[in-house]
């Protein structure tokens, strides 16, 4: 998935929590974690799209 795909998922399910990870994989290497975090912030969806750092745990 790319950042536009994630945004489409958010629009389809705006109350869902989306966790974006695996930024070091081959198919995701076109976009860094920091670039994705900036995109999420610009779209104003950072409350719904979580971008954990390597090793970070998210508790619900």
N, C-alpha and C. Protein backbone atom coordinates (compact mmCIF):
# COMPACT_ATOMS: atom_id res chain seq x y z
N UNK A 1 0.85 -1.19 0.00
CA UNK A 1 0.00 0.00 0.00
C UNK A 1 0.88 1.24 0.00
N UNK A 2 0.42 2.24 -0.68
CA UNK A 2 1.14 3.51 -0.61
C UNK A 2 0.33 4.49 0.24
N UNK A 3 0.82 5.71 0.37
CA UNK A 3 0.15 6.66 1.26
C UNK A 3 -1.25 7.00 0.78
N UNK A 4 -1.47 7.03 -0.52
CA UNK A 4 -2.81 7.32 -1.03
C UNK A 4 -3.77 6.19 -0.70
N UNK A 5 -3.28 4.96 -0.76
CA UNK A 5 -4.11 3.81 -0.39
C UNK A 5 -4.54 3.90 1.08
N UNK A 6 -3.60 4.26 1.93
CA UNK A 6 -3.92 4.39 3.36
C UNK A 6 -4.96 5.48 3.57
N UNK A 7 -4.85 6.56 2.84
CA UNK A 7 -5.83 7.64 2.96
C UNK A 7 -7.21 7.17 2.50
N UNK A 8 -7.25 6.37 1.46
CA UNK A 8 -8.53 5.82 0.99
C UNK A 8 -9.15 4.89 2.03
N UNK A 9 -8.33 4.11 2.70
CA UNK A 9 -8.83 3.25 3.78
C UNK A 9 -9.40 4.12 4.90
N UNK A 10 -8.68 5.16 5.25
CA UNK A 10 -9.18 6.08 6.29
C UNK A 10 -10.55 6.65 5.88
N UNK A 11 -10.68 7.08 4.65
CA UNK A 11 -11.96 7.66 4.20
C UNK A 11 -13.08 6.63 4.22
N UNK A 12 -12.76 5.38 3.93
CA UNK A 12 -13.77 4.32 3.93
C UNK A 12 -14.18 3.93 5.34
N UNK A 13 -13.26 4.06 6.29
CA UNK A 13 -13.53 3.68 7.68
C UNK A 13 -12.92 4.72 8.61
N UNK A 14 -13.50 5.92 8.67
CA UNK A 14 -12.88 7.03 9.38
C UNK A 14 -12.73 6.86 10.89
N UNK A 15 -13.44 5.93 11.48
CA UNK A 15 -13.30 5.73 12.93
C UNK A 15 -12.30 4.62 13.27
N UNK A 16 -11.77 3.96 12.26
CA UNK A 16 -10.82 2.86 12.49
C UNK A 16 -9.45 3.41 12.88
N UNK A 17 -8.71 2.60 13.61
CA UNK A 17 -7.30 2.90 13.88
C UNK A 17 -6.47 2.12 12.86
N UNK A 18 -5.64 2.81 12.14
CA UNK A 18 -4.79 2.20 11.13
C UNK A 18 -3.35 2.28 11.63
N UNK A 19 -2.66 1.17 11.58
CA UNK A 19 -1.26 1.14 12.02
C UNK A 19 -0.40 0.90 10.80
N UNK A 20 0.48 1.84 10.51
CA UNK A 20 1.38 1.73 9.35
C UNK A 20 2.76 1.34 9.87
N UNK A 21 3.27 0.23 9.34
CA UNK A 21 4.60 -0.22 9.76
C UNK A 21 5.31 -0.90 8.60
N UNK A 22 6.43 -1.51 8.86
CA UNK A 22 7.26 -2.20 7.87
C UNK A 22 7.79 -1.25 6.80
N UNK A 23 8.33 -0.13 7.23
CA UNK A 23 8.86 0.84 6.28
C UNK A 23 10.20 0.43 5.68
N UNK A 24 10.82 -0.61 6.21
CA UNK A 24 12.12 -1.03 5.70
C UNK A 24 12.01 -2.15 4.67
N UNK A 25 10.81 -2.58 4.33
CA UNK A 25 10.64 -3.65 3.35
C UNK A 25 10.89 -3.10 1.94
N UNK A 26 11.16 -3.98 1.03
CA UNK A 26 11.51 -3.58 -0.33
C UNK A 26 10.40 -2.78 -0.99
N UNK A 27 9.15 -3.23 -0.89
CA UNK A 27 8.07 -2.52 -1.58
C UNK A 27 7.70 -1.20 -0.92
N UNK A 28 8.17 -0.95 0.27
CA UNK A 28 7.85 0.31 0.95
C UNK A 28 9.02 1.28 0.97
N UNK A 29 10.14 0.89 0.42
CA UNK A 29 11.35 1.72 0.56
C UNK A 29 11.27 3.03 -0.23
N UNK A 30 10.24 3.22 -1.01
CA UNK A 30 10.08 4.47 -1.76
C UNK A 30 9.62 5.62 -0.85
N UNK A 31 9.15 5.28 0.34
CA UNK A 31 8.62 6.27 1.26
C UNK A 31 9.18 6.00 2.65
N UNK A 32 9.79 7.00 3.23
CA UNK A 32 10.35 6.82 4.57
C UNK A 32 9.25 6.99 5.63
N UNK A 33 9.55 6.51 6.81
CA UNK A 33 8.62 6.66 7.92
C UNK A 33 8.35 8.14 8.18
N UNK A 34 9.38 8.95 8.13
CA UNK A 34 9.21 10.39 8.39
C UNK A 34 8.36 11.06 7.31
N UNK A 35 8.54 10.66 6.05
CA UNK A 35 7.72 11.21 4.97
C UNK A 35 6.26 10.82 5.17
N UNK A 36 6.04 9.58 5.58
CA UNK A 36 4.67 9.12 5.81
C UNK A 36 4.05 9.85 6.99
N UNK A 37 4.81 10.03 8.06
CA UNK A 37 4.30 10.78 9.22
C UNK A 37 3.91 12.20 8.80
N UNK A 38 4.70 12.82 7.95
CA UNK A 38 4.40 14.17 7.48
C UNK A 38 3.11 14.16 6.66
N UNK A 39 2.93 13.17 5.80
CA UNK A 39 1.70 13.04 5.01
C UNK A 39 0.48 12.91 5.92
N UNK A 40 0.58 12.05 6.92
CA UNK A 40 -0.53 11.83 7.86
C UNK A 40 -0.87 13.12 8.59
N UNK A 41 0.16 13.85 8.99
CA UNK A 41 -0.04 15.12 9.68
C UNK A 41 -0.71 16.14 8.75
N UNK A 42 -0.23 16.24 7.52
CA UNK A 42 -0.80 17.18 6.55
C UNK A 42 -2.28 16.89 6.28
N UNK A 43 -2.65 15.62 6.24
CA UNK A 43 -4.04 15.24 6.00
C UNK A 43 -4.90 15.39 7.26
N UNK A 44 -4.26 15.60 8.41
CA UNK A 44 -5.00 15.76 9.66
C UNK A 44 -5.60 14.47 10.18
N UNK A 45 -4.97 13.35 9.85
CA UNK A 45 -5.51 12.05 10.26
C UNK A 45 -4.59 11.34 11.25
N UNK A 46 -3.71 12.07 11.89
CA UNK A 46 -2.74 11.47 12.80
C UNK A 46 -3.37 10.86 14.05
N UNK A 47 -4.62 11.16 14.33
CA UNK A 47 -5.31 10.50 15.45
C UNK A 47 -5.81 9.12 15.07
N UNK A 48 -5.88 8.86 13.78
CA UNK A 48 -6.43 7.60 13.28
C UNK A 48 -5.39 6.71 12.62
N UNK A 49 -4.32 7.30 12.12
CA UNK A 49 -3.25 6.54 11.48
C UNK A 49 -2.01 6.62 12.37
N UNK A 50 -1.66 5.50 12.95
CA UNK A 50 -0.53 5.43 13.86
C UNK A 50 0.70 4.94 13.10
N UNK A 51 1.83 5.59 13.34
CA UNK A 51 3.08 5.24 12.66
C UNK A 51 4.13 4.99 13.74
N UNK A 52 4.16 3.79 14.29
CA UNK A 52 5.10 3.52 15.39
C UNK A 52 6.55 3.46 14.90
N UNK A 53 7.44 3.84 15.79
CA UNK A 53 8.87 3.70 15.52
C UNK A 53 9.27 2.24 15.66
N UNK A 54 10.42 1.89 15.12
CA UNK A 54 10.91 0.51 15.27
C UNK A 54 10.95 0.13 16.75
N UNK A 55 10.37 -1.00 17.08
CA UNK A 55 10.37 -1.50 18.45
C UNK A 55 9.30 -0.89 19.35
N UNK A 56 8.61 0.12 18.87
CA UNK A 56 7.56 0.76 19.67
C UNK A 56 6.34 -0.16 19.77
N UNK A 57 5.75 -0.23 20.95
CA UNK A 57 4.55 -1.02 21.18
C UNK A 57 3.36 -0.10 21.31
N UNK A 58 2.26 -0.51 20.76
CA UNK A 58 1.02 0.25 20.85
C UNK A 58 0.03 -0.58 21.66
N UNK A 59 -0.52 0.02 22.69
CA UNK A 59 -1.48 -0.67 23.55
C UNK A 59 -2.85 -0.04 23.37
N UNK A 60 -3.85 -0.91 23.25
CA UNK A 60 -5.24 -0.42 23.09
C UNK A 60 -6.02 -0.75 24.33
